[in-house]
Amino acid sequence: MDIENLNKNIKTKLLKNSFIQNVKIEDKTYLHINHLSHEKNKFHIKLTIFSNQLRAISKLEATKKINKILEEEIKKHIHSIQILFE
């Protein structure tokens, strides 16, 4: 999967949930290209999630919810994910 399709999948999955108002996705893979653990088809993603409901709970619980929603993408296409809640 390329980064554009991955971004579309992530955005679609997250916005299906009524508690997420918006999401910003950034590809940070370029920062890790030279790392020994870099895999060609695995991406480094930064998510900024706009959600009043997720901001109202602990960051750990909010992160668990997002990881559950994106479970398949994390297993197959994401090497690392950074999540910010706004």
N, C-alpha and C. Protein backbone atom coordinates (compact mmCIF):
# COMPACT_ATOMS: atom_id res chain seq x y z
N MET A 1 0.85 -1.18 0.00
CA MET A 1 0.00 0.00 0.00
C MET A 1 0.89 1.24 0.00
N ASP A 2 0.52 2.22 -0.80
CA ASP A 2 1.28 3.47 -0.80
C ASP A 2 0.72 4.42 0.27
N ILE A 3 1.45 5.49 0.51
CA ILE A 3 1.10 6.40 1.59
C ILE A 3 -0.23 7.11 1.35
N GLU A 4 -0.55 7.42 0.11
CA GLU A 4 -1.82 8.10 -0.17
C GLU A 4 -3.02 7.22 0.18
N ASN A 5 -2.97 5.96 -0.20
CA ASN A 5 -4.06 5.03 0.13
C ASN A 5 -4.12 4.77 1.63
N LEU A 6 -2.97 4.68 2.26
CA LEU A 6 -2.95 4.49 3.71
C LEU A 6 -3.60 5.68 4.40
N ASN A 7 -3.25 6.89 3.98
CA ASN A 7 -3.85 8.09 4.57
C ASN A 7 -5.36 8.10 4.39
N LYS A 8 -5.84 7.74 3.21
CA LYS A 8 -7.28 7.70 2.95
C LYS A 8 -7.96 6.69 3.87
N ASN A 9 -7.36 5.49 3.99
CA ASN A 9 -7.93 4.45 4.88
C ASN A 9 -8.00 4.93 6.32
N ILE A 10 -6.92 5.52 6.79
CA ILE A 10 -6.87 6.00 8.17
C ILE A 10 -7.95 7.06 8.40
N LYS A 11 -8.01 8.03 7.51
CA LYS A 11 -8.97 9.12 7.67
C LYS A 11 -10.41 8.59 7.65
N THR A 12 -10.70 7.70 6.71
CA THR A 12 -12.04 7.12 6.59
C THR A 12 -12.42 6.38 7.87
N LYS A 13 -11.52 5.53 8.35
CA LYS A 13 -11.81 4.75 9.56
C LYS A 13 -12.03 5.65 10.77
N LEU A 14 -11.17 6.64 10.94
CA LEU A 14 -11.28 7.49 12.12
C LEU A 14 -12.53 8.37 12.07
N LEU A 15 -12.84 8.91 10.90
CA LEU A 15 -13.98 9.82 10.82
C LEU A 15 -15.33 9.10 10.86
N LYS A 16 -15.33 7.77 10.73
CA LYS A 16 -16.56 6.99 10.90
C LYS A 16 -17.06 7.07 12.34
N ASN A 17 -16.17 7.37 13.25
CA ASN A 17 -16.50 7.45 14.67
C ASN A 17 -17.01 8.85 15.00
N SER A 18 -18.18 8.91 15.56
CA SER A 18 -18.82 10.20 15.82
C SER A 18 -18.06 11.04 16.84
N PHE A 19 -17.18 10.42 17.62
CA PHE A 19 -16.46 11.19 18.63
C PHE A 19 -15.20 11.87 18.07
N ILE A 20 -14.90 11.69 16.79
CA ILE A 20 -13.75 12.34 16.16
C ILE A 20 -14.27 13.37 15.17
N GLN A 21 -13.93 14.64 15.40
CA GLN A 21 -14.39 15.71 14.52
C GLN A 21 -13.53 15.85 13.27
N ASN A 22 -12.23 15.69 13.42
CA ASN A 22 -11.32 15.82 12.29
C ASN A 22 -10.00 15.13 12.62
N VAL A 23 -9.21 14.89 11.57
CA VAL A 23 -7.90 14.26 11.75
C VAL A 23 -6.94 14.85 10.72
N LYS A 24 -5.73 15.11 11.19
CA LYS A 24 -4.65 15.57 10.31
C LYS A 24 -3.60 14.47 10.30
N ILE A 25 -3.15 14.07 9.12
CA ILE A 25 -2.19 12.98 8.98
C ILE A 25 -0.92 13.51 8.33
N GLU A 26 0.21 13.21 8.96
CA GLU A 26 1.50 13.61 8.40
C GLU A 26 2.38 12.38 8.23
N ASP A 27 3.02 12.28 7.09
CA ASP A 27 3.98 11.20 6.83
C ASP A 27 5.35 11.65 7.29
N LYS A 28 5.88 11.00 8.30
CA LYS A 28 7.19 11.35 8.85
C LYS A 28 8.25 10.29 8.49
N THR A 29 7.93 9.45 7.51
CA THR A 29 8.83 8.37 7.12
C THR A 29 10.18 8.89 6.67
N TYR A 30 10.19 10.02 5.99
CA TYR A 30 11.45 10.58 5.47
C TYR A 30 12.48 10.81 6.58
N LEU A 31 12.04 10.99 7.80
CA LEU A 31 12.96 11.20 8.91
C LEU A 31 13.68 9.91 9.34
N HIS A 32 13.18 8.77 8.86
CA HIS A 32 13.67 7.48 9.33
C HIS A 32 14.24 6.60 8.21
N ILE A 33 14.35 7.13 7.02
CA ILE A 33 14.82 6.37 5.86
C ILE A 33 16.15 5.68 6.11
N ASN A 34 17.06 6.33 6.78
CA ASN A 34 18.41 5.79 6.99
C ASN A 34 18.56 4.92 8.23
N HIS A 35 17.48 4.69 8.95
CA HIS A 35 17.56 3.84 10.15
C HIS A 35 17.68 2.38 9.74
N LEU A 36 18.39 1.62 10.53
CA LEU A 36 18.58 0.20 10.23
C LEU A 36 17.26 -0.57 10.23
N SER A 37 16.32 -0.15 11.06
CA SER A 37 15.04 -0.86 11.16
C SER A 37 14.02 -0.42 10.12
N HIS A 38 14.40 0.50 9.22
CA HIS A 38 13.46 1.00 8.21
C HIS A 38 13.06 -0.12 7.24
N GLU A 39 11.74 -0.25 7.03
CA GLU A 39 11.21 -1.20 6.06
C GLU A 39 10.52 -0.40 4.96
N LYS A 40 10.72 -0.81 3.73
CA LYS A 40 10.25 -0.04 2.57
C LYS A 40 8.76 0.27 2.62
N ASN A 41 7.93 -0.68 2.95
CA ASN A 41 6.48 -0.49 2.90
C ASN A 41 5.85 -0.26 4.27
N LYS A 42 6.64 0.19 5.22
CA LYS A 42 6.14 0.54 6.55
C LYS A 42 6.39 2.03 6.76
N PHE A 43 5.36 2.72 7.28
CA PHE A 43 5.42 4.16 7.36
C PHE A 43 5.45 4.66 8.80
N HIS A 44 5.96 5.85 8.96
CA HIS A 44 5.98 6.58 10.23
C HIS A 44 4.93 7.67 10.10
N ILE A 45 3.90 7.57 10.90
CA ILE A 45 2.74 8.44 10.78
C ILE A 45 2.57 9.30 12.03
N LYS A 46 2.22 10.56 11.82
CA LYS A 46 1.85 11.44 12.92
C LYS A 46 0.39 11.83 12.72
N LEU A 47 -0.44 11.54 13.71
CA LEU A 47 -1.86 11.88 13.67
C LEU A 47 -2.15 12.99 14.67
N THR A 48 -2.87 13.98 14.22
CA THR A 48 -3.42 14.98 15.13
C THR A 48 -4.93 14.79 15.06
N ILE A 49 -5.51 14.37 16.16
CA ILE A 49 -6.93 14.04 16.20
C ILE A 49 -7.68 15.11 16.98
N PHE A 50 -8.71 15.62 16.35
CA PHE A 50 -9.54 16.64 16.98
C PHE A 50 -10.79 15.96 17.51
N SER A 51 -10.87 15.86 18.84
CA SER A 51 -11.98 15.16 19.47
C SER A 51 -12.15 15.65 20.90
N ASN A 52 -13.28 16.25 21.18
CA ASN A 52 -13.57 16.69 22.55
C ASN A 52 -13.68 15.49 23.47
N GLN A 53 -14.28 14.41 22.99
CA GLN A 53 -14.47 13.21 23.82
C GLN A 53 -13.13 12.57 24.18
N LEU A 54 -12.21 12.46 23.22
CA LEU A 54 -10.92 11.83 23.51
C LEU A 54 -10.04 12.72 24.39
N ARG A 55 -10.18 14.03 24.27
CA ARG A 55 -9.43 14.94 25.15
C ARG A 55 -9.91 14.85 26.58
N ALA A 56 -11.14 14.42 26.78
CA ALA A 56 -11.73 14.37 28.12
C ALA A 56 -11.30 13.12 28.90
N ILE A 57 -10.68 12.15 28.22
CA ILE A 57 -10.23 10.94 28.91
C ILE A 57 -8.70 10.94 28.93
N SER A 58 -8.12 9.97 29.62
CA SER A 58 -6.66 9.92 29.71
C SER A 58 -6.06 9.66 28.33
N LYS A 59 -4.85 10.15 28.14
CA LYS A 59 -4.17 9.94 26.86
C LYS A 59 -3.99 8.45 26.58
N LEU A 60 -3.73 7.68 27.60
CA LEU A 60 -3.56 6.23 27.44
C LEU A 60 -4.84 5.59 26.90
N GLU A 61 -5.98 5.92 27.50
CA GLU A 61 -7.25 5.36 27.05
C GLU A 61 -7.59 5.83 25.64
N ALA A 62 -7.34 7.09 25.35
CA ALA A 62 -7.61 7.62 24.01
C ALA A 62 -6.74 6.93 22.97
N THR A 63 -5.47 6.73 23.31
CA THR A 63 -4.54 6.06 22.39
C THR A 63 -4.98 4.62 22.14
N LYS A 64 -5.43 3.94 23.18
CA LYS A 64 -5.92 2.55 23.02
C LYS A 64 -7.09 2.51 22.05
N LYS A 65 -7.99 3.49 22.14
CA LYS A 65 -9.15 3.53 21.23
C LYS A 65 -8.69 3.69 19.78
N ILE A 66 -7.74 4.58 19.56
CA ILE A 66 -7.25 4.81 18.20
C ILE A 66 -6.50 3.58 17.69
N ASN A 67 -5.68 2.99 18.53
CA ASN A 67 -4.96 1.77 18.12
C ASN A 67 -5.91 0.65 17.76
N LYS A 68 -7.01 0.53 18.46
CA LYS A 68 -8.00 -0.50 18.16
C LYS A 68 -8.65 -0.24 16.80
N ILE A 69 -8.99 1.01 16.53
CA ILE A 69 -9.61 1.37 15.25
C ILE A 69 -8.65 1.09 14.09
N LEU A 70 -7.37 1.38 14.29
CA LEU A 70 -6.37 1.24 13.23
C LEU A 70 -5.53 -0.03 13.35
N GLU A 71 -6.06 -1.02 14.03
CA GLU A 71 -5.32 -2.25 14.30
C GLU A 71 -4.72 -2.88 13.04
N GLU A 72 -5.51 -3.02 12.00
CA GLU A 72 -5.04 -3.65 10.76
C GLU A 72 -3.92 -2.84 10.10
N GLU A 73 -4.10 -1.53 10.03
CA GLU A 73 -3.09 -0.67 9.41
C GLU A 73 -1.79 -0.70 10.20
N ILE A 74 -1.89 -0.72 11.52
CA ILE A 74 -0.69 -0.77 12.36
C ILE A 74 0.06 -2.08 12.14
N LYS A 75 -0.64 -3.17 12.04
CA LYS A 75 0.01 -4.48 11.83
C LYS A 75 0.71 -4.56 10.47
N LYS A 76 0.06 -4.02 9.44
CA LYS A 76 0.55 -4.25 8.08
C LYS A 76 1.36 -3.10 7.48
N HIS A 77 1.06 -1.86 7.84
CA HIS A 77 1.62 -0.74 7.08
C HIS A 77 2.28 0.36 7.90
N ILE A 78 2.18 0.30 9.21
CA ILE A 78 2.72 1.39 10.03
C ILE A 78 3.83 0.86 10.93
N HIS A 79 5.00 1.46 10.81
CA HIS A 79 6.12 1.09 11.67
C HIS A 79 6.02 1.82 13.01
N SER A 80 5.66 3.10 12.95
CA SER A 80 5.46 3.86 14.19
C SER A 80 4.35 4.88 13.98
N ILE A 81 3.68 5.18 15.08
CA ILE A 81 2.57 6.12 15.03
C ILE A 81 2.66 7.05 16.23
N GLN A 82 2.57 8.33 15.96
CA GLN A 82 2.56 9.36 17.00
C GLN A 82 1.15 9.96 16.98
N ILE A 83 0.53 10.05 18.13
CA ILE A 83 -0.84 10.54 18.19
C ILE A 83 -0.93 11.74 19.13
N LEU A 84 -1.46 12.84 18.61
CA LEU A 84 -1.72 14.03 19.41
C LEU A 84 -3.22 14.24 19.45
N PHE A 85 -3.72 14.66 20.60
CA PHE A 85 -5.16 14.92 20.75
C PHE A 85 -5.37 16.40 20.98
N GLU A 86 -6.22 16.98 20.17
CA GLU A 86 -6.52 18.41 20.30
C GLU A 86 -8.01 18.60 20.39
